[in-house]
Amino acid sequence: MKSTIVIAAALALCGSAFAGTGVVDTVKKDAKQIGSSFNRDMHRIARGDLGPDQAAAQPSTGSQSSAMGAGPSDSSVSSGRQARMDAAYANWQRTHR
């Protein structure tokens, strides 16, 4: 019981000492600025709103999917290849029914 009172008193004194010096307010203000800056940056990234220096640092690829291993999105796939893919898919469907 005595230790609980001593701990509570120590926390109250430390809390009031920090509050008296403005440390808590400064930390809260800095944390809010960091959060706001992070939020603003994430929104800019999501919109693709990059400045000229940031845009120059970004690689210029025509298609994001091609960077992940996907082929071009236009109709440059040969008809022979497309026919083989269609036949393989039809064969797969027959065996998995």
C-alpha atoms as a PDB file:
ATOM      1  CA  MET A   1       0.000   0.000   0.000  1.00  0.00           C
ATOM      2  CA  LYS A   2       2.799   2.407   0.925  1.00  0.00           C
ATOM      3  CA  SER A   3       4.723   1.563  -2.250  1.00  0.00           C
ATOM      4  CA  THR A   4       1.675   2.359  -4.379  1.00  0.00           C
ATOM      5  CA  ILE A   5       1.358   5.785  -2.768  1.00  0.00           C
ATOM      6  CA  VAL A   6       5.085   6.457  -3.215  1.00  0.00           C
ATOM      7  CA  ILE A   7       4.957   5.429  -6.891  1.00  0.00           C
ATOM      8  CA  ALA A   8       1.859   7.571  -7.503  1.00  0.00           C
ATOM      9  CA  ALA A   9       3.508  10.568  -5.822  1.00  0.00           C
ATOM     10  CA  ALA A  10       6.701  10.095  -7.837  1.00  0.00           C
ATOM     11  CA  LEU A  11       4.763   9.914 -11.091  1.00  0.00           C
ATOM     12  CA  ALA A  12       2.770  13.000 -10.159  1.00  0.00           C
ATOM     13  CA  LEU A  13       5.951  14.940  -9.373  1.00  0.00           C
ATOM     14  CA  CYS A  14       7.719  13.790 -12.541  1.00  0.00           C
ATOM     15  CA  GLY A  15       4.662  14.521 -14.643  1.00  0.00           C
ATOM     16  CA  SER A  16       4.314  18.003 -13.212  1.00  0.00           C
ATOM     17  CA  ALA A  17       8.040  18.638 -13.670  1.00  0.00           C
ATOM     18  CA  PHE A  18       7.853  17.674 -17.349  1.00  0.00           C
ATOM     19  CA  ALA A  19       4.677  19.670 -17.849  1.00  0.00           C
ATOM     20  CA  GLY A  20       6.220  22.658 -16.103  1.00  0.00           C
ATOM     21  CA  THR A  21       9.193  22.744 -18.451  1.00  0.00           C
ATOM     22  CA  GLY A  22       7.121  22.343 -21.585  1.00  0.00           C
ATOM     23  CA  VAL A  23       8.782  19.097 -22.615  1.00  0.00           C
ATOM     24  CA  VAL A  24       5.456  17.319 -23.010  1.00  0.00           C
ATOM     25  CA  ASP A  25       4.026  20.125 -25.139  1.00  0.00           C
ATOM     26  CA  THR A  26       7.125  20.177 -27.332  1.00  0.00           C
ATOM     27  CA  VAL A  27       7.017  16.421 -27.825  1.00  0.00           C
ATOM     28  CA  LYS A  28       3.301  16.544 -28.691  1.00  0.00           C
ATOM     29  CA  LYS A  29       3.881  19.394 -31.151  1.00  0.00           C
ATOM     30  CA  ASP A  30       6.789  17.589 -32.824  1.00  0.00           C
ATOM     31  CA  ALA A  31       4.825  14.329 -33.052  1.00  0.00           C
ATOM     32  CA  LYS A  32       1.914  16.157 -34.655  1.00  0.00           C
ATOM     33  CA  GLN A  33       4.226  17.804 -37.204  1.00  0.00           C
ATOM     34  CA  ILE A  34       5.809  14.459 -38.074  1.00  0.00           C
ATOM     35  CA  GLY A  35       2.374  12.871 -38.497  1.00  0.00           C
ATOM     36  CA  SER A  36       1.129  15.733 -40.662  1.00  0.00           C
ATOM     37  CA  SER A  37       4.223  15.650 -42.839  1.00  0.00           C
ATOM     38  CA  PHE A  38       3.990  11.877 -43.252  1.00  0.00           C
ATOM     39  CA  ASN A  39       0.288  12.113 -44.129  1.00  0.00           C
ATOM     40  CA  ARG A  40       0.925  14.868 -46.681  1.00  0.00           C
ATOM     41  CA  ASP A  41       3.783  12.906 -48.263  1.00  0.00           C
ATOM     42  CA  MET A  42       1.697   9.726 -48.520  1.00  0.00           C
ATOM     43  CA  HIS A  43      -1.100  11.621 -50.247  1.00  0.00           C
ATOM     44  CA  ARG A  44       1.383  13.183 -52.699  1.00  0.00           C
ATOM     45  CA  ILE A  45       2.843   9.766 -53.487  1.00  0.00           C
ATOM     46  CA  ALA A  46      -0.610   8.238 -53.966  1.00  0.00           C
ATOM     47  CA  ARG A  47      -1.617  11.032 -56.356  1.00  0.00           C
ATOM     48  CA  GLY A  48       1.699  10.882 -58.198  1.00  0.00           C
ATOM     49  CA  ASP A  49       2.230  14.562 -57.441  1.00  0.00           C
ATOM     50  CA  LEU A  50       6.013  14.680 -57.526  1.00  0.00           C
ATOM     51  CA  GLY A  51       8.137  17.759 -57.915  1.00  0.00           C
ATOM     52  CA  PRO A  52      10.589  18.157 -60.824  1.00  0.00           C
ATOM     53  CA  ASP A  53      13.561  16.883 -58.805  1.00  0.00           C
ATOM     54  CA  GLN A  54      11.640  13.860 -57.511  1.00  0.00           C
ATOM     55  CA  ALA A  55      10.182  13.065 -60.926  1.00  0.00           C
ATOM     56  CA  ALA A  56      13.668  13.053 -62.456  1.00  0.00           C
ATOM     57  CA  ALA A  57      14.771  10.480 -59.882  1.00  0.00           C
ATOM     58  CA  GLN A  58      11.901   8.142 -60.815  1.00  0.00           C
ATOM     59  CA  PRO A  59      12.621   5.604 -63.562  1.00  0.00           C
ATOM     60  CA  SER A  60      10.645   6.302 -66.693  1.00  0.00           C
ATOM     61  CA  THR A  61       8.909   3.071 -67.667  1.00  0.00           C
ATOM     62  CA  GLY A  62       6.009   2.970 -70.040  1.00  0.00           C
ATOM     63  CA  SER A  63       4.091   0.356 -68.123  1.00  0.00           C
ATOM     64  CA  GLN A  64       4.143  -0.503 -64.462  1.00  0.00           C
ATOM     65  CA  SER A  65       3.067  -4.079 -65.185  1.00  0.00           C
ATOM     66  CA  SER A  66       5.990  -4.713 -67.510  1.00  0.00           C
ATOM     67  CA  ALA A  67       8.348  -3.967 -64.640  1.00  0.00           C
ATOM     68  CA  MET A  68       6.714  -6.839 -62.755  1.00  0.00           C
ATOM     69  CA  GLY A  69       7.335  -9.347 -65.528  1.00  0.00           C
ATOM     70  CA  ALA A  70       4.113  -8.932 -67.475  1.00  0.00           C
ATOM     71  CA  GLY A  71       4.247  -8.607 -71.216  1.00  0.00           C
ATOM     72  CA  PRO A  72       3.235  -5.519 -73.139  1.00  0.00           C
ATOM     73  CA  SER A  73      -0.418  -4.608 -72.927  1.00  0.00           C
ATOM     74  CA  ASP A  74      -0.832  -3.922 -76.641  1.00  0.00           C
ATOM     75  CA  SER A  75      -1.666  -6.592 -79.204  1.00  0.00           C
ATOM     76  CA  SER A  76       1.935  -7.492 -79.992  1.00  0.00           C
ATOM     77  CA  VAL A  77       1.392 -11.113 -78.868  1.00  0.00           C
ATOM     78  CA  SER A  78       1.658 -13.297 -81.937  1.00  0.00           C
ATOM     79  CA  SER A  79      -1.454 -15.120 -83.066  1.00  0.00           C
ATOM     80  CA  GLY A  80       0.384 -18.472 -82.909  1.00  0.00           C
ATOM     81  CA  ARG A  81       1.317 -17.929 -79.310  1.00  0.00           C
ATOM     82  CA  GLN A  82      -2.222 -16.831 -78.466  1.00  0.00           C
ATOM     83  CA  ALA A  83      -3.604 -19.973 -80.136  1.00  0.00           C
ATOM     84  CA  ARG A  84      -1.245 -22.184 -78.106  1.00  0.00           C
ATOM     85  CA  MET A  85      -2.243 -20.462 -74.892  1.00  0.00           C
ATOM     86  CA  ASP A  86      -5.943 -20.851 -75.715  1.00  0.00           C
ATOM     87  CA  ALA A  87      -5.469 -24.542 -76.525  1.00  0.00           C
ATOM     88  CA  ALA A  88      -3.559 -25.138 -73.295  1.00  0.00           C
ATOM     89  CA  TYR A  89      -6.263 -23.403 -71.272  1.00  0.00           C
ATOM     90  CA  ALA A  90      -9.025 -25.402 -72.984  1.00  0.00           C
ATOM     91  CA  ASN A  91      -7.094 -28.600 -72.258  1.00  0.00           C
ATOM     92  CA  TRP A  92      -6.693 -27.587 -68.617  1.00  0.00           C
ATOM     93  CA  GLN A  93     -10.432 -26.876 -68.343  1.00  0.00           C
ATOM     94  CA  ARG A  94     -11.291 -30.342 -69.720  1.00  0.00           C
ATOM     95  CA  THR A  95      -9.029 -32.104 -67.227  1.00  0.00           C
ATOM     96  CA  HIS A  96     -10.161 -30.103 -64.195  1.00  0.00           C
ATOM     97  CA  ARG A  97     -13.922 -30.466 -64.422  1.00  0.00           C
END
